[in-house]
Amino acid sequence: MTRIRALIDEMRPTFRRDGGDIELVRVEGAKVIVHLSGACAGCMLAGQTLYGVQKRITDVLGRPFRVIPDIRH
């Protein structure tokens, strides 16, 4: 979880520049649950954003993860 949090924190400036943000909520096995806020929460490209985060985490850690938005957060 520490490495996943660090990867998400590395990407946060990009999201903030676009008027949004992403925050790690929890990790449940291979599921990474995140909270999107600001422009990222309502963006039509939110799915692509989540896929980009998922790809980065999977590529760096060398095993598959699924990034899922937390709609209850």
PDB file of N, CA and C in Angstrom:
ATOM      1  N   MET A   1       0.827  -1.195   0.000  1.00  0.00           N
ATOM      2  CA  MET A   1       0.000   0.000   0.000  1.00  0.00           C
ATOM      3  C   MET A   1       0.865   1.250   0.000  1.00  0.00           C
ATOM      4  N   THR A   2       1.999   1.195   0.661  1.00  0.00           N
ATOM      5  CA  THR A   2       2.884   2.356   0.717  1.00  0.00           C
ATOM      6  C   THR A   2       3.375   2.737  -0.671  1.00  0.00           C
ATOM      7  N   ARG A   3       3.756   1.746  -1.463  1.00  0.00           N
ATOM      8  CA  ARG A   3       4.251   2.013  -2.818  1.00  0.00           C
ATOM      9  C   ARG A   3       3.128   2.542  -3.712  1.00  0.00           C
ATOM     10  N   ILE A   4       1.924   2.011  -3.563  1.00  0.00           N
ATOM     11  CA  ILE A   4       0.786   2.494  -4.344  1.00  0.00           C
ATOM     12  C   ILE A   4       0.475   3.936  -3.979  1.00  0.00           C
ATOM     13  N   ARG A   5       0.491   4.242  -2.694  1.00  0.00           N
ATOM     14  CA  ARG A   5       0.250   5.621  -2.251  1.00  0.00           C
ATOM     15  C   ARG A   5       1.295   6.563  -2.843  1.00  0.00           C
ATOM     16  N   ALA A   6       2.552   6.143  -2.863  1.00  0.00           N
ATOM     17  CA  ALA A   6       3.623   6.976  -3.424  1.00  0.00           C
ATOM     18  C   ALA A   6       3.415   7.203  -4.921  1.00  0.00           C
ATOM     19  N   LEU A   7       2.991   6.178  -5.651  1.00  0.00           N
ATOM     20  CA  LEU A   7       2.743   6.324  -7.083  1.00  0.00           C
ATOM     21  C   LEU A   7       1.599   7.301  -7.351  1.00  0.00           C
ATOM     22  N   ILE A   8       0.541   7.191  -6.583  1.00  0.00           N
ATOM     23  CA  ILE A   8      -0.592   8.105  -6.752  1.00  0.00           C
ATOM     24  C   ILE A   8      -0.165   9.529  -6.397  1.00  0.00           C
ATOM     25  N   ASP A   9       0.601   9.688  -5.333  1.00  0.00           N
ATOM     26  CA  ASP A   9       1.089  11.019  -4.950  1.00  0.00           C
ATOM     27  C   ASP A   9       1.966  11.633  -6.041  1.00  0.00           C
ATOM     28  N   GLU A  10       2.732  10.798  -6.752  1.00  0.00           N
ATOM     29  CA  GLU A  10       3.554  11.298  -7.860  1.00  0.00           C
ATOM     30  C   GLU A  10       2.688  11.839  -8.995  1.00  0.00           C
ATOM     31  N   MET A  11       1.510  11.274  -9.179  1.00  0.00           N
ATOM     32  CA  MET A  11       0.625  11.679 -10.275  1.00  0.00           C
ATOM     33  C   MET A  11      -0.289  12.852  -9.909  1.00  0.00           C
ATOM     34  N   ARG A  12      -0.450  13.133  -8.642  1.00  0.00           N
ATOM     35  CA  ARG A  12      -1.400  14.151  -8.189  1.00  0.00           C
ATOM     36  C   ARG A  12      -1.169  15.536  -8.782  1.00  0.00           C
ATOM     37  N   PRO A  13       0.068  15.998  -8.955  1.00  0.00           N
ATOM     38  CA  PRO A  13       0.243  17.342  -9.539  1.00  0.00           C
ATOM     39  C   PRO A  13      -0.396  17.480 -10.928  1.00  0.00           C
ATOM     40  N   THR A  14      -0.376  16.420 -11.703  1.00  0.00           N
ATOM     41  CA  THR A  14      -0.997  16.451 -13.029  1.00  0.00           C
ATOM     42  C   THR A  14      -2.505  16.648 -12.907  1.00  0.00           C
ATOM     43  N   PHE A  15      -3.134  15.916 -11.999  1.00  0.00           N
ATOM     44  CA  PHE A  15      -4.573  16.054 -11.809  1.00  0.00           C
ATOM     45  C   PHE A  15      -4.923  17.432 -11.244  1.00  0.00           C
ATOM     46  N   ARG A  16      -4.137  17.914 -10.325  1.00  0.00           N
ATOM     47  CA  ARG A  16      -4.386  19.232  -9.731  1.00  0.00           C
ATOM     48  C   ARG A  16      -4.257  20.344 -10.753  1.00  0.00           C
ATOM     49  N   ARG A  17      -3.314  20.193 -11.678  1.00  0.00           N
ATOM     50  CA  ARG A  17      -3.157  21.197 -12.737  1.00  0.00           C
ATOM     51  C   ARG A  17      -4.421  21.297 -13.584  1.00  0.00           C
ATOM     52  N   ASP A  18      -5.122  20.195 -13.714  1.00  0.00           N
ATOM     53  CA  ASP A  18      -6.355  20.164 -14.502  1.00  0.00           C
ATOM     54  C   ASP A  18      -7.591  20.490 -13.666  1.00  0.00           C
ATOM     55  N   GLY A  19      -7.404  20.858 -12.404  1.00  0.00           N
ATOM     56  CA  GLY A  19      -8.521  21.253 -11.547  1.00  0.00           C
ATOM     57  C   GLY A  19      -9.169  20.113 -10.788  1.00  0.00           C
ATOM     58  N   GLY A  20      -8.497  18.972 -10.716  1.00  0.00           N
ATOM     59  CA  GLY A  20      -9.040  17.825  -9.992  1.00  0.00           C
ATOM     60  C   GLY A  20      -8.032  17.285  -9.012  1.00  0.00           C
ATOM     61  N   ASP A  21      -8.343  16.122  -8.477  1.00  0.00           N
ATOM     62  CA  ASP A  21      -7.419  15.473  -7.553  1.00  0.00           C
ATOM     63  C   ASP A  21      -7.796  13.999  -7.437  1.00  0.00           C
ATOM     64  N   ILE A  22      -6.860  13.218  -6.955  1.00  0.00           N
ATOM     65  CA  ILE A  22      -7.059  11.795  -6.720  1.00  0.00           C
ATOM     66  C   ILE A  22      -6.419  11.458  -5.377  1.00  0.00           C
ATOM     67  N   GLU A  23      -7.088  10.594  -4.627  1.00  0.00           N
ATOM     68  CA  GLU A  23      -6.592  10.218  -3.301  1.00  0.00           C
ATOM     69  C   GLU A  23      -6.815   8.720  -3.094  1.00  0.00           C
ATOM     70  N   LEU A  24      -5.820   8.054  -2.559  1.00  0.00           N
ATOM     71  CA  LEU A  24      -5.955   6.635  -2.244  1.00  0.00           C
ATOM     72  C   LEU A  24      -6.862   6.479  -1.029  1.00  0.00           C
ATOM     73  N   VAL A  25      -7.876   5.624  -1.147  1.00  0.00           N
ATOM     74  CA  VAL A  25      -8.784   5.353  -0.039  1.00  0.00           C
ATOM     75  C   VAL A  25      -8.341   4.079   0.679  1.00  0.00           C
ATOM     76  N   ARG A  26      -8.188   2.989  -0.097  1.00  0.00           N
ATOM     77  CA  ARG A  26      -7.741   1.723   0.493  1.00  0.00           C
ATOM     78  C   ARG A  26      -7.333   0.766  -0.622  1.00  0.00           C
ATOM     79  N   VAL A  27      -6.646  -0.286  -0.216  1.00  0.00           N
ATOM     80  CA  VAL A  27      -6.273  -1.356  -1.130  1.00  0.00           C
ATOM     81  C   VAL A  27      -6.869  -2.642  -0.573  1.00  0.00           C
ATOM     82  N   GLU A  28      -7.590  -3.366  -1.430  1.00  0.00           N
ATOM     83  CA  GLU A  28      -8.207  -4.643  -1.042  1.00  0.00           C
ATOM     84  C   GLU A  28      -7.700  -5.698  -2.019  1.00  0.00           C
ATOM     85  N   GLY A  29      -6.629  -6.357  -1.674  1.00  0.00           N
ATOM     86  CA  GLY A  29      -6.033  -7.333  -2.582  1.00  0.00           C
ATOM     87  C   GLY A  29      -5.497  -6.642  -3.819  1.00  0.00           C
ATOM     88  N   ALA A  30      -6.055  -6.978  -4.979  1.00  0.00           N
ATOM     89  CA  ALA A  30      -5.621  -6.361  -6.236  1.00  0.00           C
ATOM     90  C   ALA A  30      -6.501  -5.182  -6.635  1.00  0.00           C
ATOM     91  N   LYS A  31      -7.410  -4.764  -5.736  1.00  0.00           N
ATOM     92  CA  LYS A  31      -8.263  -3.606  -5.999  1.00  0.00           C
ATOM     93  C   LYS A  31      -7.681  -2.383  -5.294  1.00  0.00           C
ATOM     94  N   VAL A  32      -7.531  -1.311  -6.043  1.00  0.00           N
ATOM     95  CA  VAL A  32      -7.066  -0.043  -5.498  1.00  0.00           C
ATOM     96  C   VAL A  32      -8.247   0.919  -5.570  1.00  0.00           C
ATOM     97  N   ILE A  33      -8.773   1.305  -4.424  1.00  0.00           N
ATOM     98  CA  ILE A  33      -9.934   2.180  -4.378  1.00  0.00           C
ATOM     99  C   ILE A  33      -9.450   3.602  -4.165  1.00  0.00           C
ATOM    100  N   VAL A  34      -9.896   4.504  -5.060  1.00  0.00           N
ATOM    101  CA  VAL A  34      -9.462   5.896  -5.013  1.00  0.00           C
ATOM    102  C   VAL A  34     -10.671   6.819  -4.973  1.00  0.00           C
ATOM    103  N   HIS A  35     -10.437   8.025  -4.503  1.00  0.00           N
ATOM    104  CA  HIS A  35     -11.460   9.070  -4.504  1.00  0.00           C
ATOM    105  C   HIS A  35     -11.032  10.128  -5.495  1.00  0.00           C
ATOM    106  N   LEU A  36     -11.889  10.407  -6.472  1.00  0.00           N
ATOM    107  CA  LEU A  36     -11.651  11.484  -7.429  1.00  0.00           C
ATOM    108  C   LEU A  36     -12.441  12.694  -6.974  1.00  0.00           C
ATOM    109  N   SER A  37     -11.839  13.870  -7.078  1.00  0.00           N
ATOM    110  CA  SER A  37     -12.544  15.084  -6.689  1.00  0.00           C
ATOM    111  C   SER A  37     -12.277  16.189  -7.700  1.00  0.00           C
ATOM    112  N   GLY A  38     -13.040  17.264  -7.556  1.00  0.00           N
ATOM    113  CA  GLY A  38     -12.884  18.404  -8.455  1.00  0.00           C
ATOM    114  C   GLY A  38     -13.253  18.020  -9.882  1.00  0.00           C
ATOM    115  N   ALA A  39     -12.504  18.539 -10.825  1.00  0.00           N
ATOM    116  CA  ALA A  39     -12.776  18.286 -12.235  1.00  0.00           C
ATOM    117  C   ALA A  39     -12.687  16.805 -12.578  1.00  0.00           C
ATOM    118  N   CYS A  40     -11.867  16.058 -11.869  1.00  0.00           N
ATOM    119  CA  CYS A  40     -11.701  14.624 -12.158  1.00  0.00           C
ATOM    120  C   CYS A  40     -12.973  13.840 -11.848  1.00  0.00           C
ATOM    121  N   ALA A  41     -13.741  14.285 -10.858  1.00  0.00           N
ATOM    122  CA  ALA A  41     -14.928  13.538 -10.435  1.00  0.00           C
ATOM    123  C   ALA A  41     -16.022  13.569 -11.489  1.00  0.00           C
ATOM    124  N   GLY A  42     -16.162  14.679 -12.173  1.00  0.00           N
ATOM    125  CA  GLY A  42     -17.247  14.801 -13.139  1.00  0.00           C
ATOM    126  C   GLY A  42     -16.806  14.776 -14.582  1.00  0.00           C
ATOM    127  N   CYS A  43     -15.560  14.511 -14.820  1.00  0.00           N
ATOM    128  CA  CYS A  43     -15.010  14.548 -16.169  1.00  0.00           C
ATOM    129  C   CYS A  43     -15.489  13.346 -16.986  1.00  0.00           C
ATOM    130  N   MET A  44     -15.761  13.593 -18.257  1.00  0.00           N
ATOM    131  CA  MET A  44     -16.170  12.506 -19.146  1.00  0.00           C
ATOM    132  C   MET A  44     -15.024  11.524 -19.380  1.00  0.00           C
ATOM    133  N   LEU A  45     -13.801  11.957 -19.104  1.00  0.00           N
ATOM    134  CA  LEU A  45     -12.629  11.110 -19.309  1.00  0.00           C
ATOM    135  C   LEU A  45     -12.163  10.437 -18.017  1.00  0.00           C
ATOM    136  N   ALA A  46     -13.000  10.409 -16.996  1.00  0.00           N
ATOM    137  CA  ALA A  46     -12.613   9.815 -15.710  1.00  0.00           C
ATOM    138  C   ALA A  46     -12.195   8.354 -15.879  1.00  0.00           C
ATOM    139  N   GLY A  47     -12.844   7.639 -16.771  1.00  0.00           N
ATOM    140  CA  GLY A  47     -12.480   6.244 -17.025  1.00  0.00           C
ATOM    141  C   GLY A  47     -11.062   6.117 -17.553  1.00  0.00           C
ATOM    142  N   GLN A  48     -10.690   7.044 -18.433  1.00  0.00           N
ATOM    143  CA  GLN A  48      -9.325   7.033 -18.954  1.00  0.00           C
ATOM    144  C   GLN A  48      -8.326   7.407 -17.872  1.00  0.00           C
ATOM    145  N   THR A  49      -8.718   8.315 -17.006  1.00  0.00           N
ATOM    146  CA  THR A  49      -7.862   8.701 -15.887  1.00  0.00           C
ATOM    147  C   THR A  49      -7.593   7.490 -15.002  1.00  0.00           C
ATOM    148  N   LEU A  50      -8.643   6.764 -14.650  1.00  0.00           N
ATOM    149  CA  LEU A  50      -8.495   5.581 -13.808  1.00  0.00           C
ATOM    150  C   LEU A  50      -7.650   4.521 -14.508  1.00  0.00           C
ATOM    151  N   TYR A  51      -7.844   4.360 -15.822  1.00  0.00           N
ATOM    152  CA  TYR A  51      -7.043   3.391 -16.563  1.00  0.00           C
ATOM    153  C   TYR A  51      -5.565   3.779 -16.550  1.00  0.00           C
ATOM    154  N   GLY A  52      -5.277   5.069 -16.700  1.00  0.00           N
ATOM    155  CA  GLY A  52      -3.884   5.530 -16.672  1.00  0.00           C
ATOM    156  C   GLY A  52      -3.223   5.257 -15.329  1.00  0.00           C
ATOM    157  N   VAL A  53      -3.955   5.502 -14.243  1.00  0.00           N
ATOM    158  CA  VAL A  53      -3.437   5.218 -12.903  1.00  0.00           C
ATOM    159  C   VAL A  53      -3.224   3.709 -12.750  1.00  0.00           C
ATOM    160  N   GLN A  54      -4.200   2.932 -13.195  1.00  0.00           N
ATOM    161  CA  GLN A  54      -4.109   1.470 -13.114  1.00  0.00           C
ATOM    162  C   GLN A  54      -2.898   0.951 -13.884  1.00  0.00           C
ATOM    163  N   LYS A  55      -2.694   1.471 -15.083  1.00  0.00           N
ATOM    164  CA  LYS A  55      -1.564   1.037 -15.908  1.00  0.00           C
ATOM    165  C   LYS A  55      -0.237   1.377 -15.239  1.00  0.00           C
ATOM    166  N   ARG A  56      -0.137   2.564 -14.687  1.00  0.00           N
ATOM    167  CA  ARG A  56       1.103   2.990 -14.022  1.00  0.00           C
ATOM    168  C   ARG A  56       1.415   2.079 -12.833  1.00  0.00           C
ATOM    169  N   ILE A  57       0.413   1.824 -11.997  1.00  0.00           N
ATOM    170  CA  ILE A  57       0.612   0.966 -10.823  1.00  0.00           C
ATOM    171  C   ILE A  57       1.003  -0.443 -11.262  1.00  0.00           C
ATOM    172  N   THR A  58       0.292  -0.979 -12.244  1.00  0.00           N
ATOM    173  CA  THR A  58       0.573  -2.334 -12.741  1.00  0.00           C
ATOM    174  C   THR A  58       1.971  -2.421 -13.341  1.00  0.00           C
ATOM    175  N   ASP A  59       2.338  -1.421 -14.146  1.00  0.00           N
ATOM    176  CA  ASP A  59       3.658  -1.426 -14.778  1.00  0.00           C
ATOM    177  C   ASP A  59       4.788  -1.358 -13.754  1.00  0.00           C
ATOM    178  N   VAL A  60       4.652  -0.492 -12.768  1.00  0.00           N
ATOM    179  CA  VAL A  60       5.715  -0.308 -11.779  1.00  0.00           C
ATOM    180  C   VAL A  60       5.818  -1.499 -10.829  1.00  0.00           C
ATOM    181  N   LEU A  61       4.694  -2.019 -10.400  1.00  0.00           N
ATOM    182  CA  LEU A  61       4.712  -3.104  -9.419  1.00  0.00           C
ATOM    183  C   LEU A  61       4.792  -4.484 -10.064  1.00  0.00           C
ATOM    184  N   GLY A  62       4.579  -4.556 -11.374  1.00  0.00           N
ATOM    185  CA  GLY A  62       4.769  -5.815 -12.091  1.00  0.00           C
ATOM    186  C   GLY A  62       3.705  -6.872 -11.882  1.00  0.00           C
ATOM    187  N   ARG A  63       2.539  -6.466 -11.423  1.00  0.00           N
ATOM    188  CA  ARG A  63       1.419  -7.388 -11.303  1.00  0.00           C
ATOM    189  C   ARG A  63       0.125  -6.605 -11.495  1.00  0.00           C
ATOM    190  N   PRO A  64      -0.938  -7.265 -11.938  1.00  0.00           N
ATOM    191  CA  PRO A  64      -2.168  -6.536 -12.277  1.00  0.00           C
ATOM    192  C   PRO A  64      -2.917  -6.004 -11.060  1.00  0.00           C
ATOM    193  N   PHE A  65      -3.399  -4.783 -11.219  1.00  0.00           N
ATOM    194  CA  PHE A  65      -4.258  -4.137 -10.232  1.00  0.00           C
ATOM    195  C   PHE A  65      -5.444  -3.552 -10.966  1.00  0.00           C
ATOM    196  N   ARG A  66      -6.532  -3.352 -10.252  1.00  0.00           N
ATOM    197  CA  ARG A  66      -7.709  -2.699 -10.817  1.00  0.00           C
ATOM    198  C   ARG A  66      -7.985  -1.474  -9.961  1.00  0.00           C
ATOM    199  N   VAL A  67      -8.051  -0.309 -10.599  1.00  0.00           N
ATOM    200  CA  VAL A  67      -8.320   0.945  -9.896  1.00  0.00           C
ATOM    201  C   VAL A  67      -9.806   1.260 -10.032  1.00  0.00           C
ATOM    202  N   ILE A  68     -10.453   1.456  -8.890  1.00  0.00           N
ATOM    203  CA  ILE A  68     -11.901   1.632  -8.823  1.00  0.00           C
ATOM    204  C   ILE A  68     -12.205   2.920  -8.050  1.00  0.00           C
ATOM    205  N   PRO A  69     -13.134   3.746  -8.564  1.00  0.00           N
ATOM    206  CA  PRO A  69     -13.513   4.952  -7.822  1.00  0.00           C
ATOM    207  C   PRO A  69     -14.396   4.599  -6.630  1.00  0.00           C
ATOM    208  N   ASP A  70     -14.175   5.270  -5.529  1.00  0.00           N
ATOM    209  CA  ASP A  70     -14.998   5.088  -4.333  1.00  0.00           C
ATOM    210  C   ASP A  70     -16.132   6.107  -4.398  1.00  0.00           C
ATOM    211  N   ILE A  71     -17.333   5.646  -4.680  1.00  0.00           N
ATOM    212  CA  ILE A  71     -18.450   6.577  -4.816  1.00  0.00           C
ATOM    213  C   ILE A  71     -19.078   6.933  -3.472  1.00  0.00           C
ATOM    214  N   ARG A  72     -18.709   6.217  -2.427  1.00  0.00           N
ATOM    215  CA  ARG A  72     -19.270   6.490  -1.093  1.00  0.00           C
ATOM    216  C   ARG A  72     -18.420   7.462  -0.299  1.00  0.00           C
ATOM    217  N   HIS A  73     -17.224   7.754  -0.751  1.00  0.00           N
ATOM    218  CA  HIS A  73     -16.270   8.574   0.010  1.00  0.00           C
ATOM    219  C   HIS A  73     -16.702  10.014   0.041  1.00  0.00           C
TER     220      HIS A  73
END
